[in-house]
Amino acid sequence: MEKSILASKSIDFAIRIINLCKELQKEKKEYILSNQLLRSGTSIGANIREAKFAQSIADFISKMSIALTLSSSLLTLNCVTSLFQIFDLK
């Protein structure tokens, strides 16, 4: 079975998020934001994969909506994380 582009991209994204969180924790000693970033960033792919096996159209829409909401919240976390890097905050 061929893997969907969305599933593939969500896995690549999760790997990038994990690496970013490792760097934030190691270099910046930042744990609170990085933990939330890790949870949200890796949950997107999990919800996309769950949607693939949804039991109904409503269930599929619900799971994909959760993935969309998580990606939206990551934009906010990304902005905050960028501020940490720009101003070299600890």
C-alpha atoms as a PDB file:
ATOM      1  CA  MET A   1       0.000   0.000   0.000  1.00  0.00           C
ATOM      2  CA  GLU A   2       1.329   3.410  -0.968  1.00  0.00           C
ATOM      3  CA  LYS A   3       1.909   5.877   1.865  1.00  0.00           C
ATOM      4  CA  SER A   4       0.022   9.145   1.565  1.00  0.00           C
ATOM      5  CA  ILE A   5       1.909  12.380   1.079  1.00  0.00           C
ATOM      6  CA  LEU A   6       0.253  13.806   4.179  1.00  0.00           C
ATOM      7  CA  ALA A   7       1.352  10.858   6.338  1.00  0.00           C
ATOM      8  CA  SER A   8       4.876  11.033   4.958  1.00  0.00           C
ATOM      9  CA  LYS A   9       5.161  14.766   5.543  1.00  0.00           C
ATOM     10  CA  SER A  10       3.774  14.448   9.074  1.00  0.00           C
ATOM     11  CA  ILE A  11       6.483  11.878   9.906  1.00  0.00           C
ATOM     12  CA  ASP A  12       9.197  14.158   8.508  1.00  0.00           C
ATOM     13  CA  PHE A  13       7.709  17.062  10.459  1.00  0.00           C
ATOM     14  CA  ALA A  14       7.657  15.039  13.698  1.00  0.00           C
ATOM     15  CA  ILE A  15      11.336  14.170  13.247  1.00  0.00           C
ATOM     16  CA  ARG A  16      12.191  17.849  12.745  1.00  0.00           C
ATOM     17  CA  ILE A  17      10.164  18.771  15.845  1.00  0.00           C
ATOM     18  CA  ILE A  18      11.947  16.114  17.928  1.00  0.00           C
ATOM     19  CA  ASN A  19      15.339  17.441  16.813  1.00  0.00           C
ATOM     20  CA  LEU A  20      14.314  21.027  17.556  1.00  0.00           C
ATOM     21  CA  CYS A  21      13.112  20.064  21.039  1.00  0.00           C
ATOM     22  CA  LYS A  22      16.366  18.247  21.748  1.00  0.00           C
ATOM     23  CA  GLU A  23      18.285  21.360  20.741  1.00  0.00           C
ATOM     24  CA  LEU A  24      16.082  23.651  22.829  1.00  0.00           C
ATOM     25  CA  GLN A  25      16.521  21.456  25.882  1.00  0.00           C
ATOM     26  CA  LYS A  26      20.247  20.928  25.429  1.00  0.00           C
ATOM     27  CA  GLU A  27      21.381  24.361  24.256  1.00  0.00           C
ATOM     28  CA  LYS A  28      18.806  26.716  25.752  1.00  0.00           C
ATOM     29  CA  LYS A  29      17.766  24.653  28.803  1.00  0.00           C
ATOM     30  CA  GLU A  30      14.156  25.321  27.810  1.00  0.00           C
ATOM     31  CA  TYR A  31      11.790  22.557  28.901  1.00  0.00           C
ATOM     32  CA  ILE A  32       8.237  23.876  29.210  1.00  0.00           C
ATOM     33  CA  LEU A  33       7.765  25.181  25.669  1.00  0.00           C
ATOM     34  CA  SER A  34       9.804  22.387  24.138  1.00  0.00           C
ATOM     35  CA  ASN A  35       7.666  19.735  25.844  1.00  0.00           C
ATOM     36  CA  GLN A  36       4.473  21.327  24.525  1.00  0.00           C
ATOM     37  CA  LEU A  37       6.046  21.675  21.106  1.00  0.00           C
ATOM     38  CA  LEU A  38       7.006  17.992  21.194  1.00  0.00           C
ATOM     39  CA  ARG A  39       3.505  16.859  22.203  1.00  0.00           C
ATOM     40  CA  SER A  40       1.755  18.975  19.592  1.00  0.00           C
ATOM     41  CA  GLY A  41       4.235  18.312  16.809  1.00  0.00           C
ATOM     42  CA  THR A  42       4.153  14.550  17.142  1.00  0.00           C
ATOM     43  CA  SER A  43       0.389  14.348  17.704  1.00  0.00           C
ATOM     44  CA  ILE A  44      -0.356  15.717  14.242  1.00  0.00           C
ATOM     45  CA  GLY A  45       0.916  12.581  12.545  1.00  0.00           C
ATOM     46  CA  ALA A  46      -0.810  10.342  15.073  1.00  0.00           C
ATOM     47  CA  ASN A  47      -4.163  11.968  14.344  1.00  0.00           C
ATOM     48  CA  ILE A  48      -3.622  11.745  10.594  1.00  0.00           C
ATOM     49  CA  ARG A  49      -2.892   8.021  10.908  1.00  0.00           C
ATOM     50  CA  GLU A  50      -5.930   7.522  13.158  1.00  0.00           C
ATOM     51  CA  ALA A  51      -8.091   9.302  10.577  1.00  0.00           C
ATOM     52  CA  LYS A  52      -6.975   6.764   7.988  1.00  0.00           C
ATOM     53  CA  PHE A  53      -8.788   4.073   9.985  1.00  0.00           C
ATOM     54  CA  ALA A  54     -11.778   6.193  11.009  1.00  0.00           C
ATOM     55  CA  GLN A  55     -15.032   4.339  11.502  1.00  0.00           C
ATOM     56  CA  SER A  56     -17.146   6.994   9.858  1.00  0.00           C
ATOM     57  CA  ILE A  57     -16.850  10.177   7.850  1.00  0.00           C
ATOM     58  CA  ALA A  58     -17.612  12.170  10.994  1.00  0.00           C
ATOM     59  CA  ASP A  59     -14.796  10.366  12.833  1.00  0.00           C
ATOM     60  CA  PHE A  60     -12.412  11.077   9.926  1.00  0.00           C
ATOM     61  CA  ILE A  61     -13.328  14.766   9.931  1.00  0.00           C
ATOM     62  CA  SER A  62     -12.915  14.928  13.704  1.00  0.00           C
ATOM     63  CA  LYS A  63      -9.425  13.422  13.641  1.00  0.00           C
ATOM     64  CA  MET A  64      -8.283  15.609  10.761  1.00  0.00           C
ATOM     65  CA  SER A  65      -9.709  18.673  12.540  1.00  0.00           C
ATOM     66  CA  ILE A  66      -7.651  17.808  15.610  1.00  0.00           C
ATOM     67  CA  ALA A  67      -4.525  17.580  13.429  1.00  0.00           C
ATOM     68  CA  LEU A  68      -5.354  20.969  11.921  1.00  0.00           C
ATOM     69  CA  THR A  69      -5.887  22.520  15.355  1.00  0.00           C
ATOM     70  CA  LEU A  70      -2.556  21.143  16.574  1.00  0.00           C
ATOM     71  CA  SER A  71      -0.751  22.535  13.551  1.00  0.00           C
ATOM     72  CA  SER A  72      -2.352  25.903  14.192  1.00  0.00           C
ATOM     73  CA  SER A  73      -1.196  25.907  17.815  1.00  0.00           C
ATOM     74  CA  LEU A  74       2.311  25.095  16.632  1.00  0.00           C
ATOM     75  CA  LEU A  75       2.409  28.355  14.697  1.00  0.00           C
ATOM     76  CA  THR A  76       2.026  30.197  17.989  1.00  0.00           C
ATOM     77  CA  LEU A  77       4.642  28.025  19.702  1.00  0.00           C
ATOM     78  CA  ASN A  78       6.948  28.519  16.733  1.00  0.00           C
ATOM     79  CA  CYS A  79       6.689  32.293  17.101  1.00  0.00           C
ATOM     80  CA  VAL A  80       7.528  32.089  20.810  1.00  0.00           C
ATOM     81  CA  THR A  81      10.413  29.695  20.136  1.00  0.00           C
ATOM     82  CA  SER A  82      11.748  32.058  17.477  1.00  0.00           C
ATOM     83  CA  LEU A  83      11.754  34.879  20.016  1.00  0.00           C
ATOM     84  CA  PHE A  84      13.817  32.709  22.352  1.00  0.00           C
ATOM     85  CA  GLN A  85      16.352  32.165  19.599  1.00  0.00           C
ATOM     86  CA  ILE A  86      16.402  35.771  18.373  1.00  0.00           C
ATOM     87  CA  PHE A  87      16.908  37.268  21.824  1.00  0.00           C
ATOM     88  CA  ASP A  88      19.004  34.368  23.114  1.00  0.00           C
ATOM     89  CA  LEU A  89      16.657  33.950  26.056  1.00  0.00           C
ATOM     90  CA  LYS A  90      17.078  31.159  28.562  1.00  0.00           C
END
